[in-house]
Amino acid sequence: MAILYSILGSIDLIRATVQDRYGNEVYITEERWQHIITGHRDMENNFEYLLKTLRTGKRRRDRENSSKFLYTQKFKHLPPQTALLVVVKFGHMQAAKRNIPNNFVVSAYLIHVK
């Protein structure tokens, strides 16, 4: 796991980094994964499916926050009319006088779909 240092000086571990189907690199930290499984117990055994949703799922921009994107994908192991949704915040951070992508998972949970 890589170490992530925030501008506030806090440290977090990057649990995984993947590339979405549009070429964007997206990471999830250990803190965000713990947040997800604490609030959404049904996600506990779905970490690999979360990563697959980022790699191959459908993506749309959030209506209320244009820097957030919602990735969704159905999986056979999930109940009928259920999909996995991953919320990703797209942004940039300054490092060595350059803007570099800072796209990270905010949350993930199961949703009802038609």
PDB file of N, CA and C in Angstrom:
ATOM      1  N   MET A   1       0.832  -1.180   0.000  1.00  0.00           N
ATOM      2  CA  MET A   1       0.000   0.000   0.000  1.00  0.00           C
ATOM      3  C   MET A   1       0.878   1.245   0.000  1.00  0.00           C
ATOM      4  N   ALA A   2       0.480   2.231  -0.779  1.00  0.00           N
ATOM      5  CA  ALA A   2       1.196   3.503  -0.821  1.00  0.00           C
ATOM      6  C   ALA A   2       0.694   4.409   0.297  1.00  0.00           C
ATOM      7  N   ILE A   3       1.516   5.339   0.690  1.00  0.00           N
ATOM      8  CA  ILE A   3       1.137   6.307   1.723  1.00  0.00           C
ATOM      9  C   ILE A   3       0.725   7.595   1.042  1.00  0.00           C
ATOM     10  N   LEU A   4      -0.382   8.161   1.498  1.00  0.00           N
ATOM     11  CA  LEU A   4      -0.894   9.420   0.974  1.00  0.00           C
ATOM     12  C   LEU A   4      -0.771  10.476   2.063  1.00  0.00           C
ATOM     13  N   TYR A   5      -0.148  11.595   1.751  1.00  0.00           N
ATOM     14  CA  TYR A   5      -0.019  12.700   2.694  1.00  0.00           C
ATOM     15  C   TYR A   5      -0.961  13.808   2.261  1.00  0.00           C
ATOM     16  N   SER A   6      -1.813  14.255   3.147  1.00  0.00           N
ATOM     17  CA  SER A   6      -2.718  15.349   2.791  1.00  0.00           C
ATOM     18  C   SER A   6      -2.034  16.684   3.025  1.00  0.00           C
ATOM     19  N   ILE A   7      -2.619  17.747   2.478  1.00  0.00           N
ATOM     20  CA  ILE A   7      -2.055  19.078   2.690  1.00  0.00           C
ATOM     21  C   ILE A   7      -2.188  19.514   4.155  1.00  0.00           C
ATOM     22  N   LEU A   8      -3.036  18.823   4.914  1.00  0.00           N
ATOM     23  CA  LEU A   8      -3.200  19.138   6.330  1.00  0.00           C
ATOM     24  C   LEU A   8      -2.214  18.358   7.192  1.00  0.00           C
ATOM     25  N   GLY A   9      -1.395  17.525   6.557  1.00  0.00           N
ATOM     26  CA  GLY A   9      -0.390  16.790   7.306  1.00  0.00           C
ATOM     27  C   GLY A   9      -0.825  15.407   7.767  1.00  0.00           C
ATOM     28  N   SER A  10      -2.066  15.029   7.531  1.00  0.00           N
ATOM     29  CA  SER A  10      -2.499  13.702   7.948  1.00  0.00           C
ATOM     30  C   SER A  10      -1.989  12.658   6.954  1.00  0.00           C
ATOM     31  N   ILE A  11      -1.894  11.435   7.416  1.00  0.00           N
ATOM     32  CA  ILE A  11      -1.383  10.338   6.604  1.00  0.00           C
ATOM     33  C   ILE A  11      -2.472   9.294   6.453  1.00  0.00           C
ATOM     34  N   ASP A  12      -2.602   8.733   5.246  1.00  0.00           N
ATOM     35  CA  ASP A  12      -3.545   7.652   4.999  1.00  0.00           C
ATOM     36  C   ASP A  12      -2.890   6.678   4.031  1.00  0.00           C
ATOM     37  N   LEU A  13      -3.327   5.446   4.073  1.00  0.00           N
ATOM     38  CA  LEU A  13      -2.801   4.424   3.174  1.00  0.00           C
ATOM     39  C   LEU A  13      -3.708   4.283   1.967  1.00  0.00           C
ATOM     40  N   ILE A  14      -3.114   4.245   0.795  1.00  0.00           N
ATOM     41  CA  ILE A  14      -3.888   3.982  -0.414  1.00  0.00           C
ATOM     42  C   ILE A  14      -4.048   2.474  -0.515  1.00  0.00           C
ATOM     43  N   ARG A  15      -5.288   2.021  -0.463  1.00  0.00           N
ATOM     44  CA  ARG A  15      -5.585   0.586  -0.493  1.00  0.00           C
ATOM     45  C   ARG A  15      -5.452   0.023  -1.903  1.00  0.00           C
ATOM     46  N   ALA A  16      -5.896   0.786  -2.915  1.00  0.00           N
ATOM     47  CA  ALA A  16      -5.816   0.332  -4.308  1.00  0.00           C
ATOM     48  C   ALA A  16      -5.948   1.523  -5.244  1.00  0.00           C
ATOM     49  N   THR A  17      -5.370   1.377  -6.432  1.00  0.00           N
ATOM     50  CA  THR A  17      -5.484   2.355  -7.506  1.00  0.00           C
ATOM     51  C   THR A  17      -5.839   1.608  -8.772  1.00  0.00           C
ATOM     52  N   VAL A  18      -6.835   2.108  -9.512  1.00  0.00           N
ATOM     53  CA  VAL A  18      -7.242   1.490 -10.781  1.00  0.00           C
ATOM     54  C   VAL A  18      -7.396   2.576 -11.833  1.00  0.00           C
ATOM     55  N   GLN A  19      -7.499   2.141 -13.068  1.00  0.00           N
ATOM     56  CA  GLN A  19      -7.767   3.068 -14.162  1.00  0.00           C
ATOM     57  C   GLN A  19      -9.170   2.782 -14.677  1.00  0.00           C
ATOM     58  N   ASP A  20      -9.993   3.838 -14.788  1.00  0.00           N
ATOM     59  CA  ASP A  20     -11.345   3.627 -15.313  1.00  0.00           C
ATOM     60  C   ASP A  20     -11.298   3.479 -16.829  1.00  0.00           C
ATOM     61  N   ARG A  21     -12.426   3.155 -17.428  1.00  0.00           N
ATOM     62  CA  ARG A  21     -12.468   2.904 -18.871  1.00  0.00           C
ATOM     63  C   ARG A  21     -12.208   4.154 -19.708  1.00  0.00           C
ATOM     64  N   TYR A  22     -12.143   5.318 -19.065  1.00  0.00           N
ATOM     65  CA  TYR A  22     -11.872   6.576 -19.760  1.00  0.00           C
ATOM     66  C   TYR A  22     -10.428   7.031 -19.570  1.00  0.00           C
ATOM     67  N   GLY A  23      -9.624   6.194 -18.922  1.00  0.00           N
ATOM     68  CA  GLY A  23      -8.211   6.498 -18.726  1.00  0.00           C
ATOM     69  C   GLY A  23      -7.876   7.278 -17.467  1.00  0.00           C
ATOM     70  N   ASN A  24      -8.854   7.506 -16.593  1.00  0.00           N
ATOM     71  CA  ASN A  24      -8.613   8.247 -15.357  1.00  0.00           C
ATOM     72  C   ASN A  24      -8.144   7.307 -14.254  1.00  0.00           C
ATOM     73  N   GLU A  25      -7.105   7.697 -13.555  1.00  0.00           N
ATOM     74  CA  GLU A  25      -6.638   6.924 -12.410  1.00  0.00           C
ATOM     75  C   GLU A  25      -7.470   7.323 -11.193  1.00  0.00           C
ATOM     76  N   VAL A  26      -7.962   6.323 -10.460  1.00  0.00           N
ATOM     77  CA  VAL A  26      -8.809   6.541  -9.286  1.00  0.00           C
ATOM     78  C   VAL A  26      -8.252   5.691  -8.148  1.00  0.00           C
ATOM     79  N   TYR A  27      -8.158   6.281  -6.955  1.00  0.00           N
ATOM     80  CA  TYR A  27      -7.668   5.498  -5.819  1.00  0.00           C
ATOM     81  C   TYR A  27      -8.692   5.480  -4.693  1.00  0.00           C
ATOM     82  N   ILE A  28      -8.531   4.468  -3.825  1.00  0.00           N
ATOM     83  CA  ILE A  28      -9.334   4.378  -2.609  1.00  0.00           C
ATOM     84  C   ILE A  28      -8.374   4.209  -1.440  1.00  0.00           C
ATOM     85  N   THR A  29      -8.596   4.983  -0.394  1.00  0.00           N
ATOM     86  CA  THR A  29      -7.747   4.888   0.788  1.00  0.00           C
ATOM     87  C   THR A  29      -8.334   3.884   1.777  1.00  0.00           C
ATOM     88  N   GLU A  30      -7.502   3.467   2.687  1.00  0.00           N
ATOM     89  CA  GLU A  30      -7.955   2.556   3.751  1.00  0.00           C
ATOM     90  C   GLU A  30      -9.041   3.236   4.587  1.00  0.00           C
ATOM     91  N   GLU A  31      -8.890   4.514   4.851  1.00  0.00           N
ATOM     92  CA  GLU A  31      -9.897   5.249   5.645  1.00  0.00           C
ATOM     93  C   GLU A  31     -11.250   5.229   4.957  1.00  0.00           C
ATOM     94  N   ARG A  32     -11.282   5.457   3.632  1.00  0.00           N
ATOM     95  CA  ARG A  32     -12.550   5.453   2.891  1.00  0.00           C
ATOM     96  C   ARG A  32     -13.161   4.053   2.878  1.00  0.00           C
ATOM     97  N   TRP A  33     -12.329   2.998   2.734  1.00  0.00           N
ATOM     98  CA  TRP A  33     -12.865   1.637   2.745  1.00  0.00           C
ATOM     99  C   TRP A  33     -13.486   1.335   4.108  1.00  0.00           C
ATOM    100  N   GLN A  34     -12.843   1.723   5.177  1.00  0.00           N
ATOM    101  CA  GLN A  34     -13.408   1.497   6.516  1.00  0.00           C
ATOM    102  C   GLN A  34     -14.722   2.267   6.682  1.00  0.00           C
ATOM    103  N   HIS A  35     -14.773   3.478   6.160  1.00  0.00           N
ATOM    104  CA  HIS A  35     -16.015   4.263   6.183  1.00  0.00           C
ATOM    105  C   HIS A  35     -17.124   3.516   5.440  1.00  0.00           C
ATOM    106  N   ILE A  36     -16.814   2.968   4.275  1.00  0.00           N
ATOM    107  CA  ILE A  36     -17.814   2.268   3.459  1.00  0.00           C
ATOM    108  C   ILE A  36     -18.347   1.049   4.187  1.00  0.00           C
ATOM    109  N   ILE A  37     -17.467   0.191   4.698  1.00  0.00           N
ATOM    110  CA  ILE A  37     -17.949  -1.056   5.312  1.00  0.00           C
ATOM    111  C   ILE A  37     -18.568  -0.833   6.691  1.00  0.00           C
ATOM    112  N   THR A  38     -18.258   0.285   7.330  1.00  0.00           N
ATOM    113  CA  THR A  38     -18.913   0.606   8.599  1.00  0.00           C
ATOM    114  C   THR A  38     -20.357   1.049   8.357  1.00  0.00           C
ATOM    115  N   GLY A  39     -20.554   1.861   7.347  1.00  0.00           N
ATOM    116  CA  GLY A  39     -21.890   2.379   7.056  1.00  0.00           C
ATOM    117  C   GLY A  39     -22.735   1.496   6.158  1.00  0.00           C
ATOM    118  N   HIS A  40     -22.095   0.608   5.421  1.00  0.00           N
ATOM    119  CA  HIS A  40     -22.795  -0.242   4.457  1.00  0.00           C
ATOM    120  C   HIS A  40     -22.252  -1.661   4.589  1.00  0.00           C
ATOM    121  N   ARG A  41     -22.725  -2.370   5.598  1.00  0.00           N
ATOM    122  CA  ARG A  41     -22.213  -3.715   5.917  1.00  0.00           C
ATOM    123  C   ARG A  41     -22.297  -4.670   4.730  1.00  0.00           C
ATOM    124  N   ASP A  42     -23.272  -4.461   3.845  1.00  0.00           N
ATOM    125  CA  ASP A  42     -23.420  -5.345   2.688  1.00  0.00           C
ATOM    126  C   ASP A  42     -22.280  -5.183   1.680  1.00  0.00           C
ATOM    127  N   MET A  43     -21.408  -4.206   1.883  1.00  0.00           N
ATOM    128  CA  MET A  43     -20.263  -3.990   0.992  1.00  0.00           C
ATOM    129  C   MET A  43     -19.019  -4.745   1.448  1.00  0.00           C
ATOM    130  N   GLU A  44     -19.055  -5.321   2.634  1.00  0.00           N
ATOM    131  CA  GLU A  44     -17.869  -5.928   3.236  1.00  0.00           C
ATOM    132  C   GLU A  44     -17.131  -6.917   2.325  1.00  0.00           C
ATOM    133  N   ASN A  45     -17.851  -7.737   1.585  1.00  0.00           N
ATOM    134  CA  ASN A  45     -17.235  -8.740   0.712  1.00  0.00           C
ATOM    135  C   ASN A  45     -17.206  -8.306  -0.753  1.00  0.00           C
ATOM    136  N   ASN A  46     -17.341  -7.023  -1.004  1.00  0.00           N
ATOM    137  CA  ASN A  46     -17.449  -6.525  -2.376  1.00  0.00           C
ATOM    138  C   ASN A  46     -16.309  -5.608  -2.809  1.00  0.00           C
ATOM    139  N   PHE A  47     -15.160  -5.702  -2.155  1.00  0.00           N
ATOM    140  CA  PHE A  47     -14.059  -4.800  -2.519  1.00  0.00           C
ATOM    141  C   PHE A  47     -13.612  -5.001  -3.965  1.00  0.00           C
ATOM    142  N   GLU A  48     -13.428  -6.244  -4.388  1.00  0.00           N
ATOM    143  CA  GLU A  48     -12.999  -6.500  -5.771  1.00  0.00           C
ATOM    144  C   GLU A  48     -14.061  -6.037  -6.770  1.00  0.00           C
ATOM    145  N   TYR A  49     -15.346  -6.141  -6.395  1.00  0.00           N
ATOM    146  CA  TYR A  49     -16.419  -5.670  -7.276  1.00  0.00           C
ATOM    147  C   TYR A  49     -16.441  -4.144  -7.349  1.00  0.00           C
ATOM    148  N   LEU A  50     -16.071  -3.486  -6.254  1.00  0.00           N
ATOM    149  CA  LEU A  50     -15.940  -2.024  -6.271  1.00  0.00           C
ATOM    150  C   LEU A  50     -14.876  -1.633  -7.299  1.00  0.00           C
ATOM    151  N   LEU A  51     -13.732  -2.309  -7.268  1.00  0.00           N
ATOM    152  CA  LEU A  51     -12.658  -2.003  -8.220  1.00  0.00           C
ATOM    153  C   LEU A  51     -13.096  -2.294  -9.652  1.00  0.00           C
ATOM    154  N   LYS A  52     -13.813  -3.389  -9.846  1.00  0.00           N
ATOM    155  CA  LYS A  52     -14.288  -3.731 -11.189  1.00  0.00           C
ATOM    156  C   LYS A  52     -15.297  -2.692 -11.678  1.00  0.00           C
ATOM    157  N   THR A  53     -16.133  -2.187 -10.785  1.00  0.00           N
ATOM    158  CA  THR A  53     -17.088  -1.139 -11.150  1.00  0.00           C
ATOM    159  C   THR A  53     -16.346   0.100 -11.639  1.00  0.00           C
ATOM    160  N   LEU A  54     -15.265   0.453 -10.972  1.00  0.00           N
ATOM    161  CA  LEU A  54     -14.467   1.600 -11.418  1.00  0.00           C
ATOM    162  C   LEU A  54     -13.837   1.337 -12.782  1.00  0.00           C
ATOM    163  N   ARG A  55     -13.351   0.130 -13.003  1.00  0.00           N
ATOM    164  CA  ARG A  55     -12.670  -0.197 -14.271  1.00  0.00           C
ATOM    165  C   ARG A  55     -13.619  -0.271 -15.451  1.00  0.00           C
ATOM    166  N   THR A  56     -14.809  -0.850 -15.251  1.00  0.00           N
ATOM    167  CA  THR A  56     -15.665  -1.177 -16.396  1.00  0.00           C
ATOM    168  C   THR A  56     -17.108  -0.690 -16.284  1.00  0.00           C
ATOM    169  N   GLY A  57     -17.476  -0.081 -15.179  1.00  0.00           N
ATOM    170  CA  GLY A  57     -18.863   0.338 -14.983  1.00  0.00           C
ATOM    171  C   GLY A  57     -19.253   1.562 -15.787  1.00  0.00           C
ATOM    172  N   LYS A  58     -20.553   1.821 -15.822  1.00  0.00           N
ATOM    173  CA  LYS A  58     -21.064   3.038 -16.468  1.00  0.00           C
ATOM    174  C   LYS A  58     -20.786   4.218 -15.553  1.00  0.00           C
ATOM    175  N   ARG A  59     -20.507   5.376 -16.150  1.00  0.00           N
ATOM    176  CA  ARG A  59     -20.196   6.577 -15.373  1.00  0.00           C
ATOM    177  C   ARG A  59     -21.083   7.714 -15.794  1.00  0.00           C
ATOM    178  N   ARG A  60     -21.546   8.479 -14.790  1.00  0.00           N
ATOM    179  CA  ARG A  60     -22.294   9.702 -15.080  1.00  0.00           C
ATOM    180  C   ARG A  60     -21.920  10.757 -14.046  1.00  0.00           C
ATOM    181  N   ARG A  61     -22.042  12.010 -14.456  1.00  0.00           N
ATOM    182  CA  ARG A  61     -21.727  13.125 -13.558  1.00  0.00           C
ATOM    183  C   ARG A  61     -22.867  13.334 -12.578  1.00  0.00           C
ATOM    184  N   ASP A  62     -22.529  13.616 -11.342  1.00  0.00           N
ATOM    185  CA  ASP A  62     -23.515  13.919 -10.317  1.00  0.00           C
ATOM    186  C   ASP A  62     -24.231  15.225 -10.670  1.00  0.00           C
ATOM    187  N   ARG A  63     -25.543  15.267 -10.515  1.00  0.00           N
ATOM    188  CA  ARG A  63     -26.328  16.462 -10.877  1.00  0.00           C
ATOM    189  C   ARG A  63     -26.049  17.654  -9.968  1.00  0.00           C
ATOM    190  N   GLU A  64     -25.735  17.379  -8.705  1.00  0.00           N
ATOM    191  CA  GLU A  64     -25.572  18.458  -7.730  1.00  0.00           C
ATOM    192  C   GLU A  64     -24.124  18.914  -7.544  1.00  0.00           C
ATOM    193  N   ASN A  65     -23.171  18.063  -7.913  1.00  0.00           N
ATOM    194  CA  ASN A  65     -21.757  18.405  -7.731  1.00  0.00           C
ATOM    195  C   ASN A  65     -20.991  17.943  -8.960  1.00  0.00           C
ATOM    196  N   SER A  66     -20.600  18.875  -9.799  1.00  0.00           N
ATOM    197  CA  SER A  66     -20.001  18.528 -11.086  1.00  0.00           C
ATOM    198  C   SER A  66     -18.614  17.890 -10.964  1.00  0.00           C
ATOM    199  N   SER A  67     -18.012  17.918  -9.784  1.00  0.00           N
ATOM    200  CA  SER A  67     -16.710  17.262  -9.618  1.00  0.00           C
ATOM    201  C   SER A  67     -16.847  15.824  -9.114  1.00  0.00           C
ATOM    202  N   LYS A  68     -18.100  15.374  -8.905  1.00  0.00           N
ATOM    203  CA  LYS A  68     -18.339  13.993  -8.489  1.00  0.00           C
ATOM    204  C   LYS A  68     -18.915  13.193  -9.646  1.00  0.00           C
ATOM    205  N   PHE A  69     -18.455  11.959  -9.745  1.00  0.00           N
ATOM    206  CA  PHE A  69     -18.955  11.035 -10.755  1.00  0.00           C
ATOM    207  C   PHE A  69     -19.469   9.779 -10.077  1.00  0.00           C
ATOM    208  N   LEU A  70     -20.521   9.211 -10.650  1.00  0.00           N
ATOM    209  CA  LEU A  70     -21.147   8.004 -10.108  1.00  0.00           C
ATOM    210  C   LEU A  70     -20.911   6.861 -11.085  1.00  0.00           C
ATOM    211  N   TYR A  71     -20.297   5.814 -10.611  1.00  0.00           N
ATOM    212  CA  TYR A  71     -20.031   4.618 -11.408  1.00  0.00           C
ATOM    213  C   TYR A  71     -20.996   3.528 -10.936  1.00  0.00           C
ATOM    214  N   THR A  72     -21.655   2.849 -11.864  1.00  0.00           N
ATOM    215  CA  THR A  72     -22.569   1.769 -11.489  1.00  0.00           C
ATOM    216  C   THR A  72     -22.309   0.535 -12.342  1.00  0.00           C
ATOM    217  N   GLN A  73     -22.606  -0.620 -11.730  1.00  0.00           N
ATOM    218  CA  GLN A  73     -22.495  -1.873 -12.459  1.00  0.00           C
ATOM    219  C   GLN A  73     -23.293  -2.946 -11.720  1.00  0.00           C
ATOM    220  N   LYS A  74     -23.962  -3.802 -12.508  1.00  0.00           N
ATOM    221  CA  LYS A  74     -24.678  -4.953 -11.956  1.00  0.00           C
ATOM    222  C   LYS A  74     -23.732  -6.147 -11.938  1.00  0.00           C
ATOM    223  N   PHE A  75     -23.934  -7.033 -10.979  1.00  0.00           N
ATOM    224  CA  PHE A  75     -23.162  -8.267 -10.876  1.00  0.00           C
ATOM    225  C   PHE A  75     -24.100  -9.429 -10.578  1.00  0.00           C
ATOM    226  N   LYS A  76     -23.776 -10.596 -11.090  1.00  0.00           N
ATOM    227  CA  LYS A  76     -24.636 -11.770 -10.930  1.00  0.00           C
ATOM    228  C   LYS A  76     -24.799 -12.191  -9.476  1.00  0.00           C
ATOM    229  N   HIS A  77     -23.800 -11.969  -8.637  1.00  0.00           N
ATOM    230  CA  HIS A  77     -23.899 -12.401  -7.237  1.00  0.00           C
ATOM    231  C   HIS A  77     -24.814 -11.494  -6.411  1.00  0.00           C
ATOM    232  N   LEU A  78     -25.173 -10.341  -6.942  1.00  0.00           N
ATOM    233  CA  LEU A  78     -26.062  -9.419  -6.223  1.00  0.00           C
ATOM    234  C   LEU A  78     -27.517  -9.806  -6.463  1.00  0.00           C
ATOM    235  N   PRO A  79     -28.405  -9.441  -5.547  1.00  0.00           N
ATOM    236  CA  PRO A  79     -29.828  -9.710  -5.767  1.00  0.00           C
ATOM    237  C   PRO A  79     -30.329  -9.047  -7.051  1.00  0.00           C
ATOM    238  N   PRO A  80     -31.414  -9.575  -7.636  1.00  0.00           N
ATOM    239  CA  PRO A  80     -31.989  -8.942  -8.842  1.00  0.00           C
ATOM    240  C   PRO A  80     -32.306  -7.470  -8.575  1.00  0.00           C
ATOM    241  N   GLN A  81     -32.204  -6.674  -9.599  1.00  0.00           N
ATOM    242  CA  GLN A  81     -32.482  -5.233  -9.555  1.00  0.00           C
ATOM    243  C   GLN A  81     -31.618  -4.488  -8.532  1.00  0.00           C
ATOM    244  N   THR A  82     -30.386  -4.978  -8.367  1.00  0.00           N
ATOM    245  CA  THR A  82     -29.432  -4.329  -7.475  1.00  0.00           C
ATOM    246  C   THR A  82     -28.137  -4.083  -8.247  1.00  0.00           C
ATOM    247  N   ALA A  83     -27.546  -2.932  -8.011  1.00  0.00           N
ATOM    248  CA  ALA A  83     -26.262  -2.607  -8.636  1.00  0.00           C
ATOM    249  C   ALA A  83     -25.344  -2.018  -7.578  1.00  0.00           C
ATOM    250  N   LEU A  84     -24.062  -2.056  -7.859  1.00  0.00           N
ATOM    251  CA  LEU A  84     -23.088  -1.440  -6.992  1.00  0.00           C
ATOM    252  C   LEU A  84     -22.839  -0.028  -7.517  1.00  0.00           C
ATOM    253  N   LEU A  85     -22.867   0.955  -6.632  1.00  0.00           N
ATOM    254  CA  LEU A  85     -22.621   2.352  -6.995  1.00  0.00           C
ATOM    255  C   LEU A  85     -21.375   2.829  -6.273  1.00  0.00           C
ATOM    256  N   VAL A  86     -20.464   3.458  -6.991  1.00  0.00           N
ATOM    257  CA  VAL A  86     -19.253   4.025  -6.403  1.00  0.00           C
ATOM    258  C   VAL A  86     -19.247   5.517  -6.699  1.00  0.00           C
ATOM    259  N   VAL A  87     -19.045   6.332  -5.655  1.00  0.00           N
ATOM    260  CA  VAL A  87     -18.986   7.787  -5.797  1.00  0.00           C
ATOM    261  C   VAL A  87     -17.518   8.202  -5.806  1.00  0.00           C
ATOM    262  N   VAL A  88     -17.100   8.913  -6.855  1.00  0.00           N
ATOM    263  CA  VAL A  88     -15.718   9.336  -6.995  1.00  0.00           C
ATOM    264  C   VAL A  88     -15.655  10.854  -7.116  1.00  0.00           C
ATOM    265  N   LYS A  89     -14.758  11.462  -6.380  1.00  0.00           N
ATOM    266  CA  LYS A  89     -14.505  12.901  -6.450  1.00  0.00           C
ATOM    267  C   LYS A  89     -13.314  13.122  -7.367  1.00  0.00           C
ATOM    268  N   PHE A  90     -13.509  13.890  -8.434  1.00  0.00           N
ATOM    269  CA  PHE A  90     -12.432  14.217  -9.361  1.00  0.00           C
ATOM    270  C   PHE A  90     -11.862  15.576  -8.983  1.00  0.00           C
ATOM    271  N   GLY A  91     -10.567  15.684  -9.015  1.00  0.00           N
ATOM    272  CA  GLY A  91      -9.944  16.958  -8.696  1.00  0.00           C
ATOM    273  C   GLY A  91      -8.476  16.944  -9.048  1.00  0.00           C
ATOM    274  N   HIS A  92      -7.773  17.967  -8.594  1.00  0.00           N
ATOM    275  CA  HIS A  92      -6.337  18.095  -8.811  1.00  0.00           C
ATOM    276  C   HIS A  92      -5.694  18.571  -7.530  1.00  0.00           C
ATOM    277  N   MET A  93      -4.416  18.243  -7.383  1.00  0.00           N
ATOM    278  CA  MET A  93      -3.658  18.765  -6.250  1.00  0.00           C
ATOM    279  C   MET A  93      -2.321  19.269  -6.762  1.00  0.00           C
ATOM    280  N   GLN A  94      -1.731  20.176  -6.026  1.00  0.00           N
ATOM    281  CA  GLN A  94      -0.434  20.734  -6.394  1.00  0.00           C
ATOM    282  C   GLN A  94       0.667  19.834  -5.855  1.00  0.00           C
ATOM    283  N   ALA A  95       1.597  19.476  -6.709  1.00  0.00           N
ATOM    284  CA  ALA A  95       2.774  18.733  -6.290  1.00  0.00           C
ATOM    285  C   ALA A  95       3.915  19.135  -7.216  1.00  0.00           C
ATOM    286  N   ALA A  96       5.011  19.555  -6.636  1.00  0.00           N
ATOM    287  CA  ALA A  96       6.177  19.980  -7.413  1.00  0.00           C
ATOM    288  C   ALA A  96       5.781  20.999  -8.488  1.00  0.00           C
ATOM    289  N   LYS A  97       4.954  21.966  -8.097  1.00  0.00           N
ATOM    290  CA  LYS A  97       4.510  23.055  -8.980  1.00  0.00           C
ATOM    291  C   LYS A  97       3.729  22.567 -10.206  1.00  0.00           C
ATOM    292  N   ARG A  98       3.084  21.423 -10.093  1.00  0.00           N
ATOM    293  CA  ARG A  98       2.260  20.894 -11.189  1.00  0.00           C
ATOM    294  C   ARG A  98       0.893  20.515 -10.637  1.00  0.00           C
ATOM    295  N   ASN A  99      -0.101  20.625 -11.484  1.00  0.00           N
ATOM    296  CA  ASN A  99      -1.415  20.086 -11.154  1.00  0.00           C
ATOM    297  C   ASN A  99      -1.405  18.615 -11.515  1.00  0.00           C
ATOM    298  N   ILE A 100      -1.690  17.757 -10.547  1.00  0.00           N
ATOM    299  CA  ILE A 100      -1.773  16.333 -10.851  1.00  0.00           C
ATOM    300  C   ILE A 100      -3.160  15.834 -10.452  1.00  0.00           C
ATOM    301  N   PRO A 101      -3.681  14.837 -11.169  1.00  0.00           N
ATOM    302  CA  PRO A 101      -5.015  14.327 -10.850  1.00  0.00           C
ATOM    303  C   PRO A 101      -5.092  13.800  -9.422  1.00  0.00           C
ATOM    304  N   ASN A 102      -6.210  14.033  -8.800  1.00  0.00           N
ATOM    305  CA  ASN A 102      -6.470  13.541  -7.449  1.00  0.00           C
ATOM    306  C   ASN A 102      -7.902  13.025  -7.432  1.00  0.00           C
ATOM    307  N   ASN A 103      -8.117  11.858  -8.018  1.00  0.00           N
ATOM    308  CA  ASN A 103      -9.455  11.275  -8.168  1.00  0.00           C
ATOM    309  C   ASN A 103      -9.593  10.137  -7.163  1.00  0.00           C
ATOM    310  N   PHE A 104     -10.500  10.297  -6.211  1.00  0.00           N
ATOM    311  CA  PHE A 104     -10.576   9.308  -5.142  1.00  0.00           C
ATOM    312  C   PHE A 104     -12.012   8.887  -4.845  1.00  0.00           C
ATOM    313  N   VAL A 105     -12.140   7.663  -4.323  1.00  0.00           N
ATOM    314  CA  VAL A 105     -13.439   7.123  -3.942  1.00  0.00           C
ATOM    315  C   VAL A 105     -13.892   7.817  -2.666  1.00  0.00           C
ATOM    316  N   VAL A 106     -15.132   8.319  -2.693  1.00  0.00           N
ATOM    317  CA  VAL A 106     -15.733   8.952  -1.530  1.00  0.00           C
ATOM    318  C   VAL A 106     -16.554   7.927  -0.761  1.00  0.00           C
ATOM    319  N   SER A 107     -17.364   7.154  -1.495  1.00  0.00           N
ATOM    320  CA  SER A 107     -18.224   6.152  -0.871  1.00  0.00           C
ATOM    321  C   SER A 107     -18.625   5.115  -1.905  1.00  0.00           C
ATOM    322  N   ALA A 108     -19.269   4.054  -1.432  1.00  0.00           N
ATOM    323  CA  ALA A 108     -19.798   3.011  -2.315  1.00  0.00           C
ATOM    324  C   ALA A 108     -20.885   2.270  -1.556  1.00  0.00           C
ATOM    325  N   TYR A 109     -21.931   1.882  -2.279  1.00  0.00           N
ATOM    326  CA  TYR A 109     -23.041   1.156  -1.662  1.00  0.00           C
ATOM    327  C   TYR A 109     -23.870   0.498  -2.740  1.00  0.00           C
ATOM    328  N   LEU A 110     -24.776  -0.367  -2.315  1.00  0.00           N
ATOM    329  CA  LEU A 110     -25.671  -1.050  -3.241  1.00  0.00           C
ATOM    330  C   LEU A 110     -26.922  -0.217  -3.438  1.00  0.00           C
ATOM    331  N   ILE A 111     -27.445  -0.204  -4.657  1.00  0.00           N
ATOM    332  CA  ILE A 111     -28.638   0.569  -4.964  1.00  0.00           C
ATOM    333  C   ILE A 111     -29.654  -0.306  -5.709  1.00  0.00           C
ATOM    334  N   HIS A 112     -30.902   0.103  -5.651  1.00  0.00           N
ATOM    335  CA  HIS A 112     -31.972  -0.565  -6.395  1.00  0.00           C
ATOM    336  C   HIS A 112     -32.028   0.034  -7.806  1.00  0.00           C
ATOM    337  N   VAL A 113     -32.062  -0.834  -8.819  1.00  0.00           N
ATOM    338  CA  VAL A 113     -32.165  -0.383 -10.203  1.00  0.00           C
ATOM    339  C   VAL A 113     -33.280  -1.145 -10.901  1.00  0.00           C
ATOM    340  N   LYS A 114     -33.772  -0.581 -11.999  1.00  0.00           N
ATOM    341  CA  LYS A 114     -34.826  -1.255 -12.754  1.00  0.00           C
ATOM    342  C   LYS A 114     -34.230  -2.118 -13.820  1.00  0.00           C
TER     343      LYS A 114
END
